Amino acid sequence: AVPETLDACMRAHIERVLARCRGRIEGSGGAADVLGINPHTLRARMRRLGIAWQRFRNPHAGAG
């Protein structure tokens, strides 16, 4: 089997963290915080990898 590319591994890892953080990128407990990188850097990588954070948002977040 052919090993995954670095981009594919990075995409999968970022998506797992975004799912855990419910699409939150910034702030304490946000994906950038969990990954240990600057939020701007995370957004740039997401753009390059074609990851839309909106897919990971809970439509009922903040309700109630």
PDB file of N, CA and C in Angstrom:
ATOM      1  N   ALA A   1       0.843  -1.189   0.000  1.00  0.00           N
ATOM      2  CA  ALA A   1       0.000   0.000   0.000  1.00  0.00           C
ATOM      3  C   ALA A   1       0.886   1.249   0.000  1.00  0.00           C
ATOM      4  N   VAL A   2       0.432   2.251  -0.700  1.00  0.00           N
ATOM      5  CA  VAL A   2       1.163   3.507  -0.791  1.00  0.00           C
ATOM      6  C   VAL A   2       0.867   4.347   0.445  1.00  0.00           C
ATOM      7  N   PRO A   3       1.909   4.834   1.123  1.00  0.00           N
ATOM      8  CA  PRO A   3       1.655   5.666   2.313  1.00  0.00           C
ATOM      9  C   PRO A   3       0.937   6.959   1.929  1.00  0.00           C
ATOM     10  N   GLU A   4       0.165   7.479   2.860  1.00  0.00           N
ATOM     11  CA  GLU A   4      -0.537   8.748   2.634  1.00  0.00           C
ATOM     12  C   GLU A   4       0.475   9.878   2.494  1.00  0.00           C
ATOM     13  N   THR A   5       0.088  10.899   1.746  1.00  0.00           N
ATOM     14  CA  THR A   5       0.940  12.084   1.637  1.00  0.00           C
ATOM     15  C   THR A   5       0.884  12.852   2.957  1.00  0.00           C
ATOM     16  N   LEU A   6       1.851  13.718   3.155  1.00  0.00           N
ATOM     17  CA  LEU A   6       1.869  14.551   4.349  1.00  0.00           C
ATOM     18  C   LEU A   6       0.621  15.429   4.392  1.00  0.00           C
ATOM     19  N   ASP A   7       0.231  15.973   3.229  1.00  0.00           N
ATOM     20  CA  ASP A   7      -0.982  16.801   3.182  1.00  0.00           C
ATOM     21  C   ASP A   7      -2.206  16.006   3.608  1.00  0.00           C
ATOM     22  N   ALA A   8      -2.321  14.757   3.166  1.00  0.00           N
ATOM     23  CA  ALA A   8      -3.476  13.934   3.534  1.00  0.00           C
ATOM     24  C   ALA A   8      -3.491  13.666   5.038  1.00  0.00           C
ATOM     25  N   CYS A   9      -2.329  13.395   5.604  1.00  0.00           N
ATOM     26  CA  CYS A   9      -2.239  13.169   7.053  1.00  0.00           C
ATOM     27  C   CYS A   9      -2.586  14.440   7.823  1.00  0.00           C
ATOM     28  N   MET A  10      -2.051  15.573   7.346  1.00  0.00           N
ATOM     29  CA  MET A  10      -2.319  16.853   8.006  1.00  0.00           C
ATOM     30  C   MET A  10      -3.807  17.196   7.920  1.00  0.00           C
ATOM     31  N   ARG A  11      -4.415  16.992   6.757  1.00  0.00           N
ATOM     32  CA  ARG A  11      -5.841  17.269   6.573  1.00  0.00           C
ATOM     33  C   ARG A  11      -6.672  16.434   7.551  1.00  0.00           C
ATOM     34  N   ALA A  12      -6.378  15.139   7.627  1.00  0.00           N
ATOM     35  CA  ALA A  12      -7.135  14.248   8.522  1.00  0.00           C
ATOM     36  C   ALA A  12      -6.981  14.679   9.981  1.00  0.00           C
ATOM     37  N   HIS A  13      -5.771  15.045  10.382  1.00  0.00           N
ATOM     38  CA  HIS A  13      -5.533  15.437  11.769  1.00  0.00           C
ATOM     39  C   HIS A  13      -6.261  16.743  12.102  1.00  0.00           C
ATOM     40  N   ILE A  14      -6.160  17.725  11.218  1.00  0.00           N
ATOM     41  CA  ILE A  14      -6.848  18.997  11.435  1.00  0.00           C
ATOM     42  C   ILE A  14      -8.354  18.777  11.506  1.00  0.00           C
ATOM     43  N   GLU A  15      -8.882  17.932  10.629  1.00  0.00           N
ATOM     44  CA  GLU A  15     -10.331  17.658  10.642  1.00  0.00           C
ATOM     45  C   GLU A  15     -10.761  16.979  11.937  1.00  0.00           C
ATOM     46  N   ARG A  16      -9.939  16.061  12.444  1.00  0.00           N
ATOM     47  CA  ARG A  16     -10.278  15.409  13.724  1.00  0.00           C
ATOM     48  C   ARG A  16     -10.315  16.431  14.856  1.00  0.00           C
ATOM     49  N   VAL A  17      -9.329  17.328  14.880  1.00  0.00           N
ATOM     50  CA  VAL A  17      -9.268  18.342  15.938  1.00  0.00           C
ATOM     51  C   VAL A  17     -10.437  19.315  15.792  1.00  0.00           C
ATOM     52  N   LEU A  18     -10.758  19.725  14.569  1.00  0.00           N
ATOM     53  CA  LEU A  18     -11.893  20.629  14.356  1.00  0.00           C
ATOM     54  C   LEU A  18     -13.200  19.987  14.819  1.00  0.00           C
ATOM     55  N   ALA A  19     -13.354  18.703  14.553  1.00  0.00           N
ATOM     56  CA  ALA A  19     -14.563  18.002  14.995  1.00  0.00           C
ATOM     57  C   ALA A  19     -14.641  18.012  16.518  1.00  0.00           C
ATOM     58  N   ARG A  20     -13.511  17.759  17.161  1.00  0.00           N
ATOM     59  CA  ARG A  20     -13.470  17.760  18.632  1.00  0.00           C
ATOM     60  C   ARG A  20     -13.766  19.137  19.200  1.00  0.00           C
ATOM     61  N   CYS A  21     -13.318  20.179  18.487  1.00  0.00           N
ATOM     62  CA  CYS A  21     -13.505  21.559  18.949  1.00  0.00           C
ATOM     63  C   CYS A  21     -14.780  22.186  18.387  1.00  0.00           C
ATOM     64  N   ARG A  22     -15.576  21.399  17.684  1.00  0.00           N
ATOM     65  CA  ARG A  22     -16.843  21.852  17.085  1.00  0.00           C
ATOM     66  C   ARG A  22     -16.655  23.055  16.172  1.00  0.00           C
ATOM     67  N   GLY A  23     -15.558  23.044  15.416  1.00  0.00           N
ATOM     68  CA  GLY A  23     -15.323  24.091  14.431  1.00  0.00           C
ATOM     69  C   GLY A  23     -14.683  25.357  14.982  1.00  0.00           C
ATOM     70  N   ARG A  24     -14.474  25.400  16.267  1.00  0.00           N
ATOM     71  CA  ARG A  24     -13.861  26.592  16.868  1.00  0.00           C
ATOM     72  C   ARG A  24     -12.368  26.612  16.560  1.00  0.00           C
ATOM     73  N   ILE A  25     -11.886  27.730  16.055  1.00  0.00           N
ATOM     74  CA  ILE A  25     -10.481  27.836  15.670  1.00  0.00           C
ATOM     75  C   ILE A  25      -9.671  28.556  16.739  1.00  0.00           C
ATOM     76  N   GLU A  26     -10.187  29.676  17.236  1.00  0.00           N
ATOM     77  CA  GLU A  26      -9.425  30.510  18.177  1.00  0.00           C
ATOM     78  C   GLU A  26      -9.858  30.293  19.615  1.00  0.00           C
ATOM     79  N   GLY A  27      -9.051  30.835  20.514  1.00  0.00           N
ATOM     80  CA  GLY A  27      -9.403  30.845  21.935  1.00  0.00           C
ATOM     81  C   GLY A  27      -8.962  29.581  22.653  1.00  0.00           C
ATOM     82  N   SER A  28      -9.135  29.614  23.950  1.00  0.00           N
ATOM     83  CA  SER A  28      -8.771  28.478  24.783  1.00  0.00           C
ATOM     84  C   SER A  28      -9.621  27.269  24.398  1.00  0.00           C
ATOM     85  N   GLY A  29      -8.975  26.173  24.099  1.00  0.00           N
ATOM     86  CA  GLY A  29      -9.698  24.974  23.691  1.00  0.00           C
ATOM     87  C   GLY A  29     -10.065  24.946  22.221  1.00  0.00           C
ATOM     88  N   GLY A  30      -9.719  25.996  21.487  1.00  0.00           N
ATOM     89  CA  GLY A  30      -9.955  26.007  20.049  1.00  0.00           C
ATOM     90  C   GLY A  30      -8.942  25.122  19.333  1.00  0.00           C
ATOM     91  N   ALA A  31      -9.177  24.851  18.064  1.00  0.00           N
ATOM     92  CA  ALA A  31      -8.316  23.946  17.302  1.00  0.00           C
ATOM     93  C   ALA A  31      -6.866  24.431  17.263  1.00  0.00           C
ATOM     94  N   ALA A  32      -6.646  25.727  17.082  1.00  0.00           N
ATOM     95  CA  ALA A  32      -5.280  26.246  17.031  1.00  0.00           C
ATOM     96  C   ALA A  32      -4.576  26.020  18.371  1.00  0.00           C
ATOM     97  N   ASP A  33      -5.298  26.222  19.455  1.00  0.00           N
ATOM     98  CA  ASP A  33      -4.753  26.009  20.796  1.00  0.00           C
ATOM     99  C   ASP A  33      -4.373  24.541  20.980  1.00  0.00           C
ATOM    100  N   VAL A  34      -5.271  23.637  20.594  1.00  0.00           N
ATOM    101  CA  VAL A  34      -5.023  22.197  20.724  1.00  0.00           C
ATOM    102  C   VAL A  34      -3.823  21.777  19.879  1.00  0.00           C
ATOM    103  N   LEU A  35      -3.737  22.335  18.665  1.00  0.00           N
ATOM    104  CA  LEU A  35      -2.645  21.971  17.759  1.00  0.00           C
ATOM    105  C   LEU A  35      -1.334  22.681  18.093  1.00  0.00           C
ATOM    106  N   GLY A  36      -1.405  23.712  18.931  1.00  0.00           N
ATOM    107  CA  GLY A  36      -0.207  24.440  19.318  1.00  0.00           C
ATOM    108  C   GLY A  36       0.327  25.352  18.227  1.00  0.00           C
ATOM    109  N   ILE A  37      -0.587  25.889  17.393  1.00  0.00           N
ATOM    110  CA  ILE A  37      -0.173  26.809  16.339  1.00  0.00           C
ATOM    111  C   ILE A  37      -1.018  28.074  16.383  1.00  0.00           C
ATOM    112  N   ASN A  38      -0.540  29.112  15.708  1.00  0.00           N
ATOM    113  CA  ASN A  38      -1.249  30.382  15.630  1.00  0.00           C
ATOM    114  C   ASN A  38      -2.533  30.198  14.818  1.00  0.00           C
ATOM    115  N   PRO A  39      -3.654  30.817  15.231  1.00  0.00           N
ATOM    116  CA  PRO A  39      -4.903  30.688  14.476  1.00  0.00           C
ATOM    117  C   PRO A  39      -4.771  31.111  13.007  1.00  0.00           C
ATOM    118  N   HIS A  40      -3.972  32.139  12.736  1.00  0.00           N
ATOM    119  CA  HIS A  40      -3.770  32.578  11.355  1.00  0.00           C
ATOM    120  C   HIS A  40      -3.082  31.473  10.540  1.00  0.00           C
ATOM    121  N   THR A  41      -2.113  30.819  11.142  1.00  0.00           N
ATOM    122  CA  THR A  41      -1.413  29.712  10.480  1.00  0.00           C
ATOM    123  C   THR A  41      -2.381  28.566  10.202  1.00  0.00           C
ATOM    124  N   LEU A  42      -3.237  28.257  11.167  1.00  0.00           N
ATOM    125  CA  LEU A  42      -4.210  27.186  10.980  1.00  0.00           C
ATOM    126  C   LEU A  42      -5.167  27.530   9.841  1.00  0.00           C
ATOM    127  N   ARG A  43      -5.663  28.757   9.820  1.00  0.00           N
ATOM    128  CA  ARG A  43      -6.580  29.154   8.738  1.00  0.00           C
ATOM    129  C   ARG A  43      -5.904  29.052   7.370  1.00  0.00           C
ATOM    130  N   ALA A  44      -4.634  29.466   7.288  1.00  0.00           N
ATOM    131  CA  ALA A  44      -3.891  29.392   6.029  1.00  0.00           C
ATOM    132  C   ALA A  44      -3.743  27.935   5.583  1.00  0.00           C
ATOM    133  N   ARG A  45      -3.426  27.046   6.505  1.00  0.00           N
ATOM    134  CA  ARG A  45      -3.297  25.620   6.169  1.00  0.00           C
ATOM    135  C   ARG A  45      -4.633  25.044   5.738  1.00  0.00           C
ATOM    136  N   MET A  46      -5.697  25.441   6.428  1.00  0.00           N
ATOM    137  CA  MET A  46      -7.031  24.951   6.065  1.00  0.00           C
ATOM    138  C   MET A  46      -7.398  25.393   4.656  1.00  0.00           C
ATOM    139  N   ARG A  47      -7.092  26.655   4.307  1.00  0.00           N
ATOM    140  CA  ARG A  47      -7.364  27.137   2.943  1.00  0.00           C
ATOM    141  C   ARG A  47      -6.587  26.313   1.933  1.00  0.00           C
ATOM    142  N   ARG A  48      -5.308  26.081   2.206  1.00  0.00           N
ATOM    143  CA  ARG A  48      -4.450  25.333   1.285  1.00  0.00           C
ATOM    144  C   ARG A  48      -4.926  23.893   1.126  1.00  0.00           C
ATOM    145  N   LEU A  49      -5.435  23.310   2.214  1.00  0.00           N
ATOM    146  CA  LEU A  49      -5.871  21.918   2.184  1.00  0.00           C
ATOM    147  C   LEU A  49      -7.344  21.763   1.806  1.00  0.00           C
ATOM    148  N   GLY A  50      -8.050  22.877   1.647  1.00  0.00           N
ATOM    149  CA  GLY A  50      -9.458  22.819   1.260  1.00  0.00           C
ATOM    150  C   GLY A  50     -10.387  22.369   2.365  1.00  0.00           C
ATOM    151  N   ILE A  51     -10.092  22.767   3.594  1.00  0.00           N
ATOM    152  CA  ILE A  51     -10.924  22.395   4.751  1.00  0.00           C
ATOM    153  C   ILE A  51     -11.825  23.574   5.106  1.00  0.00           C
ATOM    154  N   ALA A  52     -13.127  23.328   5.167  1.00  0.00           N
ATOM    155  CA  ALA A  52     -14.095  24.363   5.557  1.00  0.00           C
ATOM    156  C   ALA A  52     -14.501  24.130   7.016  1.00  0.00           C
ATOM    157  N   TRP A  53     -14.165  25.080   7.891  1.00  0.00           N
ATOM    158  CA  TRP A  53     -14.479  24.906   9.318  1.00  0.00           C
ATOM    159  C   TRP A  53     -15.978  24.814   9.561  1.00  0.00           C
ATOM    160  N   GLN A  54     -16.786  25.411   8.668  1.00  0.00           N
ATOM    161  CA  GLN A  54     -18.235  25.428   8.864  1.00  0.00           C
ATOM    162  C   GLN A  54     -18.822  24.013   8.939  1.00  0.00           C
ATOM    163  N   ARG A  55     -18.182  23.063   8.278  1.00  0.00           N
ATOM    164  CA  ARG A  55     -18.669  21.676   8.304  1.00  0.00           C
ATOM    165  C   ARG A  55     -18.667  21.100   9.713  1.00  0.00           C
ATOM    166  N   PHE A  56     -17.841  21.654  10.591  1.00  0.00           N
ATOM    167  CA  PHE A  56     -17.666  21.090  11.922  1.00  0.00           C
ATOM    168  C   PHE A  56     -18.462  21.832  12.982  1.00  0.00           C
ATOM    169  N   ARG A  57     -19.141  22.898  12.584  1.00  0.00           N
ATOM    170  CA  ARG A  57     -19.936  23.688  13.525  1.00  0.00           C
ATOM    171  C   ARG A  57     -21.234  22.978  13.851  1.00  0.00           C
ATOM    172  N   ASN A  58     -21.600  23.027  15.109  1.00  0.00           N
ATOM    173  CA  ASN A  58     -22.887  22.512  15.556  1.00  0.00           C
ATOM    174  C   ASN A  58     -23.921  23.584  15.239  1.00  0.00           C
ATOM    175  N   PRO A  59     -24.950  23.269  14.440  1.00  0.00           N
ATOM    176  CA  PRO A  59     -25.927  24.297  14.081  1.00  0.00           C
ATOM    177  C   PRO A  59     -26.674  24.873  15.292  1.00  0.00           C
ATOM    178  N   HIS A  60     -26.632  24.164  16.426  1.00  0.00           N
ATOM    179  CA  HIS A  60     -27.332  24.640  17.615  1.00  0.00           C
ATOM    180  C   HIS A  60     -26.363  25.242  18.631  1.00  0.00           C
ATOM    181  N   ALA A  61     -25.114  25.458  18.241  1.00  0.00           N
ATOM    182  CA  ALA A  61     -24.124  26.026  19.163  1.00  0.00           C
ATOM    183  C   ALA A  61     -24.547  27.414  19.598  1.00  0.00           C
ATOM    184  N   GLY A  62     -24.468  27.672  20.858  1.00  0.00           N
ATOM    185  CA  GLY A  62     -24.816  28.980  21.391  1.00  0.00           C
ATOM    186  C   GLY A  62     -26.314  29.161  21.647  1.00  0.00           C
ATOM    187  N   ALA A  63     -27.115  28.204  21.234  1.00  0.00           N
ATOM    188  CA  ALA A  63     -28.567  28.309  21.472  1.00  0.00           C
ATOM    189  C   ALA A  63     -28.847  27.950  22.936  1.00  0.00           C
ATOM    190  N   GLY A  64     -29.679  28.755  23.547  1.00  0.00           N
ATOM    191  CA  GLY A  64     -30.086  28.452  24.917  1.00  0.00           C
ATOM    192  C   GLY A  64     -29.286  29.136  25.876  1.00  0.00           C
TER     193      GLY A  64
END
